[in-house]
Amino acid sequence: MANPLHPGLGETVTAYGGRYVTDYGYEIGEHGDELATAERVAYLLGLPRVSIPQQPTPWPEVVR
């Protein structure tokens, strides 16, 4: 991933053992939570935050 305003600024993220890891060895997220992982990478690169609609929360069924 790279910052479009500063092409020389980027970060490589690799999937390793169920987690996403940067080139510097930082665990930045886990499989299944890609949205939050992408937000963390964007934050590290200084990208502007884009408003993302909230995903509907699945409500547990009530058993009577």
PDB file of N, CA and C in Angstrom:
ATOM      1  N   MET A   1       0.849  -1.154   0.000  1.00  0.00           N
ATOM      2  CA  MET A   1       0.000   0.000   0.000  1.00  0.00           C
ATOM      3  C   MET A   1       0.898   1.221   0.000  1.00  0.00           C
ATOM      4  N   ALA A   2       0.502   2.245  -0.745  1.00  0.00           N
ATOM      5  CA  ALA A   2       1.302   3.465  -0.816  1.00  0.00           C
ATOM      6  C   ALA A   2       0.409   4.686  -0.672  1.00  0.00           C
ATOM      7  N   ASN A   3       1.000   5.766  -0.189  1.00  0.00           N
ATOM      8  CA  ASN A   3       0.299   7.032  -0.070  1.00  0.00           C
ATOM      9  C   ASN A   3       0.334   7.701  -1.441  1.00  0.00           C
ATOM     10  N   PRO A   4      -0.837   7.972  -2.065  1.00  0.00           N
ATOM     11  CA  PRO A   4      -0.837   8.560  -3.405  1.00  0.00           C
ATOM     12  C   PRO A   4      -0.226   9.962  -3.450  1.00  0.00           C
ATOM     13  N   LEU A   5      -0.196  10.662  -2.322  1.00  0.00           N
ATOM     14  CA  LEU A   5       0.401  11.992  -2.297  1.00  0.00           C
ATOM     15  C   LEU A   5       1.918  11.936  -2.151  1.00  0.00           C
ATOM     16  N   HIS A   6       2.425  10.831  -1.645  1.00  0.00           N
ATOM     17  CA  HIS A   6       3.860  10.630  -1.450  1.00  0.00           C
ATOM     18  C   HIS A   6       4.201   9.210  -1.892  1.00  0.00           C
ATOM     19  N   PRO A   7       4.403   8.991  -3.201  1.00  0.00           N
ATOM     20  CA  PRO A   7       4.607   7.639  -3.730  1.00  0.00           C
ATOM     21  C   PRO A   7       5.774   6.876  -3.085  1.00  0.00           C
ATOM     22  N   GLY A   8       6.733   7.598  -2.533  1.00  0.00           N
ATOM     23  CA  GLY A   8       7.858   6.926  -1.890  1.00  0.00           C
ATOM     24  C   GLY A   8       7.523   6.372  -0.521  1.00  0.00           C
ATOM     25  N   LEU A   9       6.378   6.758   0.014  1.00  0.00           N
ATOM     26  CA  LEU A   9       5.957   6.317   1.337  1.00  0.00           C
ATOM     27  C   LEU A   9       4.983   5.154   1.174  1.00  0.00           C
ATOM     28  N   GLY A  10       5.373   4.006   1.667  1.00  0.00           N
ATOM     29  CA  GLY A  10       4.512   2.834   1.511  1.00  0.00           C
ATOM     30  C   GLY A  10       4.770   1.824   2.609  1.00  0.00           C
ATOM     31  N   GLU A  11       3.990   0.796   2.611  1.00  0.00           N
ATOM     32  CA  GLU A  11       4.120  -0.264   3.608  1.00  0.00           C
ATOM     33  C   GLU A  11       3.715  -1.578   2.955  1.00  0.00           C
ATOM     34  N   THR A  12       4.519  -2.593   3.181  1.00  0.00           N
ATOM     35  CA  THR A  12       4.193  -3.927   2.693  1.00  0.00           C
ATOM     36  C   THR A  12       3.588  -4.708   3.841  1.00  0.00           C
ATOM     37  N   VAL A  13       2.436  -5.313   3.586  1.00  0.00           N
ATOM     38  CA  VAL A  13       1.748  -6.097   4.602  1.00  0.00           C
ATOM     39  C   VAL A  13       1.629  -7.516   4.076  1.00  0.00           C
ATOM     40  N   THR A  14       2.013  -8.480   4.907  1.00  0.00           N
ATOM     41  CA  THR A  14       2.005  -9.889   4.527  1.00  0.00           C
ATOM     42  C   THR A  14       1.092 -10.669   5.462  1.00  0.00           C
ATOM     43  N   ALA A  15       0.383 -11.635   4.891  1.00  0.00           N
ATOM     44  CA  ALA A  15      -0.433 -12.535   5.709  1.00  0.00           C
ATOM     45  C   ALA A  15       0.487 -13.623   6.246  1.00  0.00           C
ATOM     46  N   TYR A  16       0.477 -13.779   7.572  1.00  0.00           N
ATOM     47  CA  TYR A  16       1.362 -14.765   8.193  1.00  0.00           C
ATOM     48  C   TYR A  16       0.677 -15.345   9.424  1.00  0.00           C
ATOM     49  N   GLY A  17       0.389 -16.626   9.385  1.00  0.00           N
ATOM     50  CA  GLY A  17      -0.177 -17.312  10.547  1.00  0.00           C
ATOM     51  C   GLY A  17      -1.489 -16.744  11.044  1.00  0.00           C
ATOM     52  N   GLY A  18      -2.370 -16.337  10.135  1.00  0.00           N
ATOM     53  CA  GLY A  18      -3.661 -15.805  10.556  1.00  0.00           C
ATOM     54  C   GLY A  18      -3.632 -14.336  10.922  1.00  0.00           C
ATOM     55  N   ARG A  19      -2.482 -13.698  10.740  1.00  0.00           N
ATOM     56  CA  ARG A  19      -2.340 -12.279  11.075  1.00  0.00           C
ATOM     57  C   ARG A  19      -1.717 -11.539   9.901  1.00  0.00           C
ATOM     58  N   TYR A  20      -1.924 -10.230   9.888  1.00  0.00           N
ATOM     59  CA  TYR A  20      -1.270  -9.366   8.905  1.00  0.00           C
ATOM     60  C   TYR A  20      -0.096  -8.697   9.593  1.00  0.00           C
ATOM     61  N   VAL A  21       1.072  -8.786   8.956  1.00  0.00           N
ATOM     62  CA  VAL A  21       2.316  -8.307   9.559  1.00  0.00           C
ATOM     63  C   VAL A  21       2.994  -7.340   8.587  1.00  0.00           C
ATOM     64  N   THR A  22       3.515  -6.215   9.103  1.00  0.00           N
ATOM     65  CA  THR A  22       4.242  -5.260   8.267  1.00  0.00           C
ATOM     66  C   THR A  22       5.666  -5.761   8.048  1.00  0.00           C
ATOM     67  N   ASP A  23       6.374  -5.098   7.125  1.00  0.00           N
ATOM     68  CA  ASP A  23       7.777  -5.448   6.870  1.00  0.00           C
ATOM     69  C   ASP A  23       8.645  -5.281   8.115  1.00  0.00           C
ATOM     70  N   TYR A  24       8.214  -4.419   9.024  1.00  0.00           N
ATOM     71  CA  TYR A  24       8.975  -4.193  10.249  1.00  0.00           C
ATOM     72  C   TYR A  24       8.624  -5.174  11.356  1.00  0.00           C
ATOM     73  N   GLY A  25       7.712  -6.113  11.050  1.00  0.00           N
ATOM     74  CA  GLY A  25       7.368  -7.146  12.016  1.00  0.00           C
ATOM     75  C   GLY A  25       6.212  -6.811  12.939  1.00  0.00           C
ATOM     76  N   TYR A  26       5.533  -5.681  12.698  1.00  0.00           N
ATOM     77  CA  TYR A  26       4.397  -5.307  13.540  1.00  0.00           C
ATOM     78  C   TYR A  26       3.159  -6.078  13.100  1.00  0.00           C
ATOM     79  N   GLU A  27       2.476  -6.690  14.048  1.00  0.00           N
ATOM     80  CA  GLU A  27       1.185  -7.306  13.751  1.00  0.00           C
ATOM     81  C   GLU A  27       0.169  -6.185  13.675  1.00  0.00           C
ATOM     82  N   ILE A  28      -0.477  -6.061  12.530  1.00  0.00           N
ATOM     83  CA  ILE A  28      -1.362  -4.922  12.314  1.00  0.00           C
ATOM     84  C   ILE A  28      -2.821  -5.326  12.209  1.00  0.00           C
ATOM     85  N   GLY A  29      -3.102  -6.618  12.202  1.00  0.00           N
ATOM     86  CA  GLY A  29      -4.487  -7.077  12.111  1.00  0.00           C
ATOM     87  C   GLY A  29      -4.541  -8.589  12.011  1.00  0.00           C
ATOM     88  N   GLU A  30      -5.749  -9.085  11.915  1.00  0.00           N
ATOM     89  CA  GLU A  30      -5.919 -10.529  11.801  1.00  0.00           C
ATOM     90  C   GLU A  30      -6.919 -10.859  10.704  1.00  0.00           C
ATOM     91  N   HIS A  31      -6.808 -12.048  10.180  1.00  0.00           N
ATOM     92  CA  HIS A  31      -7.717 -12.486   9.130  1.00  0.00           C
ATOM     93  C   HIS A  31      -9.142 -12.392   9.643  1.00  0.00           C
ATOM     94  N   GLY A  32     -10.032 -11.915   8.792  1.00  0.00           N
ATOM     95  CA  GLY A  32     -11.421 -11.735   9.181  1.00  0.00           C
ATOM     96  C   GLY A  32     -11.738 -10.313   9.616  1.00  0.00           C
ATOM     97  N   ASP A  33     -10.704  -9.508   9.848  1.00  0.00           N
ATOM     98  CA  ASP A  33     -10.900  -8.119  10.269  1.00  0.00           C
ATOM     99  C   ASP A  33     -10.148  -7.197   9.310  1.00  0.00           C
ATOM    100  N   GLU A  34     -10.378  -7.402   8.009  1.00  0.00           N
ATOM    101  CA  GLU A  34      -9.647  -6.671   6.990  1.00  0.00           C
ATOM    102  C   GLU A  34      -9.950  -5.179   6.993  1.00  0.00           C
ATOM    103  N   LEU A  35     -11.176  -4.792   7.293  1.00  0.00           N
ATOM    104  CA  LEU A  35     -11.533  -3.378   7.299  1.00  0.00           C
ATOM    105  C   LEU A  35     -10.710  -2.617   8.340  1.00  0.00           C
ATOM    106  N   ALA A  36     -10.640  -3.133   9.547  1.00  0.00           N
ATOM    107  CA  ALA A  36      -9.858  -2.475  10.595  1.00  0.00           C
ATOM    108  C   ALA A  36      -8.365  -2.494  10.261  1.00  0.00           C
ATOM    109  N   THR A  37      -7.909  -3.578   9.654  1.00  0.00           N
ATOM    110  CA  THR A  37      -6.501  -3.668   9.260  1.00  0.00           C
ATOM    111  C   THR A  37      -6.180  -2.601   8.222  1.00  0.00           C
ATOM    112  N   ALA A  38      -7.052  -2.439   7.233  1.00  0.00           N
ATOM    113  CA  ALA A  38      -6.840  -1.421   6.199  1.00  0.00           C
ATOM    114  C   ALA A  38      -6.836  -0.023   6.807  1.00  0.00           C
ATOM    115  N   GLU A  39      -7.701   0.218   7.785  1.00  0.00           N
ATOM    116  CA  GLU A  39      -7.729   1.524   8.449  1.00  0.00           C
ATOM    117  C   GLU A  39      -6.421   1.785   9.198  1.00  0.00           C
ATOM    118  N   ARG A  40      -5.858   0.759   9.816  1.00  0.00           N
ATOM    119  CA  ARG A  40      -4.587   0.926  10.541  1.00  0.00           C
ATOM    120  C   ARG A  40      -3.451   1.251   9.576  1.00  0.00           C
ATOM    121  N   VAL A  41      -3.414   0.552   8.441  1.00  0.00           N
ATOM    122  CA  VAL A  41      -2.368   0.808   7.449  1.00  0.00           C
ATOM    123  C   VAL A  41      -2.518   2.227   6.895  1.00  0.00           C
ATOM    124  N   ALA A  42      -3.740   2.632   6.592  1.00  0.00           N
ATOM    125  CA  ALA A  42      -3.981   3.982   6.088  1.00  0.00           C
ATOM    126  C   ALA A  42      -3.522   5.026   7.117  1.00  0.00           C
ATOM    127  N   TYR A  43      -3.775   4.764   8.385  1.00  0.00           N
ATOM    128  CA  TYR A  43      -3.343   5.675   9.450  1.00  0.00           C
ATOM    129  C   TYR A  43      -1.816   5.782   9.475  1.00  0.00           C
ATOM    130  N   LEU A  44      -1.138   4.643   9.375  1.00  0.00           N
ATOM    131  CA  LEU A  44       0.325   4.647   9.380  1.00  0.00           C
ATOM    132  C   LEU A  44       0.898   5.450   8.216  1.00  0.00           C
ATOM    133  N   LEU A  45       0.197   5.398   7.074  1.00  0.00           N
ATOM    134  CA  LEU A  45       0.681   6.097   5.888  1.00  0.00           C
ATOM    135  C   LEU A  45       0.225   7.548   5.829  1.00  0.00           C
ATOM    136  N   GLY A  46      -0.567   7.971   6.816  1.00  0.00           N
ATOM    137  CA  GLY A  46      -1.017   9.352   6.852  1.00  0.00           C
ATOM    138  C   GLY A  46      -2.079   9.673   5.816  1.00  0.00           C
ATOM    139  N   LEU A  47      -2.839   8.671   5.411  1.00  0.00           N
ATOM    140  CA  LEU A  47      -3.898   8.899   4.435  1.00  0.00           C
ATOM    141  C   LEU A  47      -5.117   9.509   5.108  1.00  0.00           C
ATOM    142  N   PRO A  48      -5.852  10.355   4.376  1.00  0.00           N
ATOM    143  CA  PRO A  48      -7.059  10.933   4.974  1.00  0.00           C
ATOM    144  C   PRO A  48      -8.088   9.855   5.238  1.00  0.00           C
ATOM    145  N   ARG A  49      -8.800  10.008   6.307  1.00  0.00           N
ATOM    146  CA  ARG A  49      -9.810   9.023   6.678  1.00  0.00           C
ATOM    147  C   ARG A  49     -11.056   9.220   5.833  1.00  0.00           C
ATOM    148  N   VAL A  50     -11.544   8.145   5.280  1.00  0.00           N
ATOM    149  CA  VAL A  50     -12.755   8.173   4.456  1.00  0.00           C
ATOM    150  C   VAL A  50     -13.888   7.635   5.305  1.00  0.00           C
ATOM    151  N   SER A  51     -15.018   8.289   5.230  1.00  0.00           N
ATOM    152  CA  SER A  51     -16.172   7.836   5.990  1.00  0.00           C
ATOM    153  C   SER A  51     -16.689   6.537   5.391  1.00  0.00           C
ATOM    154  N   ILE A  52     -16.701   5.490   6.185  1.00  0.00           N
ATOM    155  CA  ILE A  52     -17.166   4.180   5.750  1.00  0.00           C
ATOM    156  C   ILE A  52     -18.456   3.884   6.487  1.00  0.00           C
ATOM    157  N   PRO A  53     -19.520   3.546   5.742  1.00  0.00           N
ATOM    158  CA  PRO A  53     -20.778   3.240   6.427  1.00  0.00           C
ATOM    159  C   PRO A  53     -20.604   2.070   7.388  1.00  0.00           C
ATOM    160  N   GLN A  54     -21.243   2.165   8.523  1.00  0.00           N
ATOM    161  CA  GLN A  54     -21.187   1.087   9.506  1.00  0.00           C
ATOM    162  C   GLN A  54     -21.897  -0.143   8.959  1.00  0.00           C
ATOM    163  N   GLN A  55     -21.320  -1.301   9.214  1.00  0.00           N
ATOM    164  CA  GLN A  55     -21.934  -2.550   8.802  1.00  0.00           C
ATOM    165  C   GLN A  55     -23.048  -2.875   9.788  1.00  0.00           C
ATOM    166  N   PRO A  56     -24.140  -3.467   9.293  1.00  0.00           N
ATOM    167  CA  PRO A  56     -25.214  -3.824  10.215  1.00  0.00           C
ATOM    168  C   PRO A  56     -24.711  -4.821  11.263  1.00  0.00           C
ATOM    169  N   THR A  57     -25.127  -4.611  12.491  1.00  0.00           N
ATOM    170  CA  THR A  57     -24.732  -5.506  13.573  1.00  0.00           C
ATOM    171  C   THR A  57     -25.714  -6.661  13.634  1.00  0.00           C
ATOM    172  N   PRO A  58     -25.198  -7.887  13.516  1.00  0.00           N
ATOM    173  CA  PRO A  58     -26.126  -9.027  13.620  1.00  0.00           C
ATOM    174  C   PRO A  58     -26.600  -9.180  15.058  1.00  0.00           C
ATOM    175  N   TRP A  59     -27.889  -9.122  15.253  1.00  0.00           N
ATOM    176  CA  TRP A  59     -28.450  -9.271  16.588  1.00  0.00           C
ATOM    177  C   TRP A  59     -28.667 -10.744  16.852  1.00  0.00           C
ATOM    178  N   PRO A  60     -28.278 -11.232  18.019  1.00  0.00           N
ATOM    179  CA  PRO A  60     -28.500 -12.646  18.340  1.00  0.00           C
ATOM    180  C   PRO A  60     -29.994 -12.946  18.461  1.00  0.00           C
ATOM    181  N   GLU A  61     -30.334 -14.124  18.052  1.00  0.00           N
ATOM    182  CA  GLU A  61     -31.746 -14.529  18.164  1.00  0.00           C
ATOM    183  C   GLU A  61     -32.098 -14.741  19.626  1.00  0.00           C
ATOM    184  N   VAL A  62     -33.307 -14.358  19.955  1.00  0.00           N
ATOM    185  CA  VAL A  62     -33.802 -14.572  21.306  1.00  0.00           C
ATOM    186  C   VAL A  62     -34.602 -15.872  21.276  1.00  0.00           C
ATOM    187  N   VAL A  63     -34.187 -16.809  22.084  1.00  0.00           N
ATOM    188  CA  VAL A  63     -34.876 -18.089  22.151  1.00  0.00           C
ATOM    189  C   VAL A  63     -35.810 -18.073  23.344  1.00  0.00           C
ATOM    190  N   ARG A  64     -37.073 -18.385  23.097  1.00  0.00           N
ATOM    191  CA  ARG A  64     -38.056 -18.387  24.195  1.00  0.00           C
ATOM    192  C   ARG A  64     -38.539 -19.781  24.445  1.00  0.00           C
TER     193      ARG A  64
END
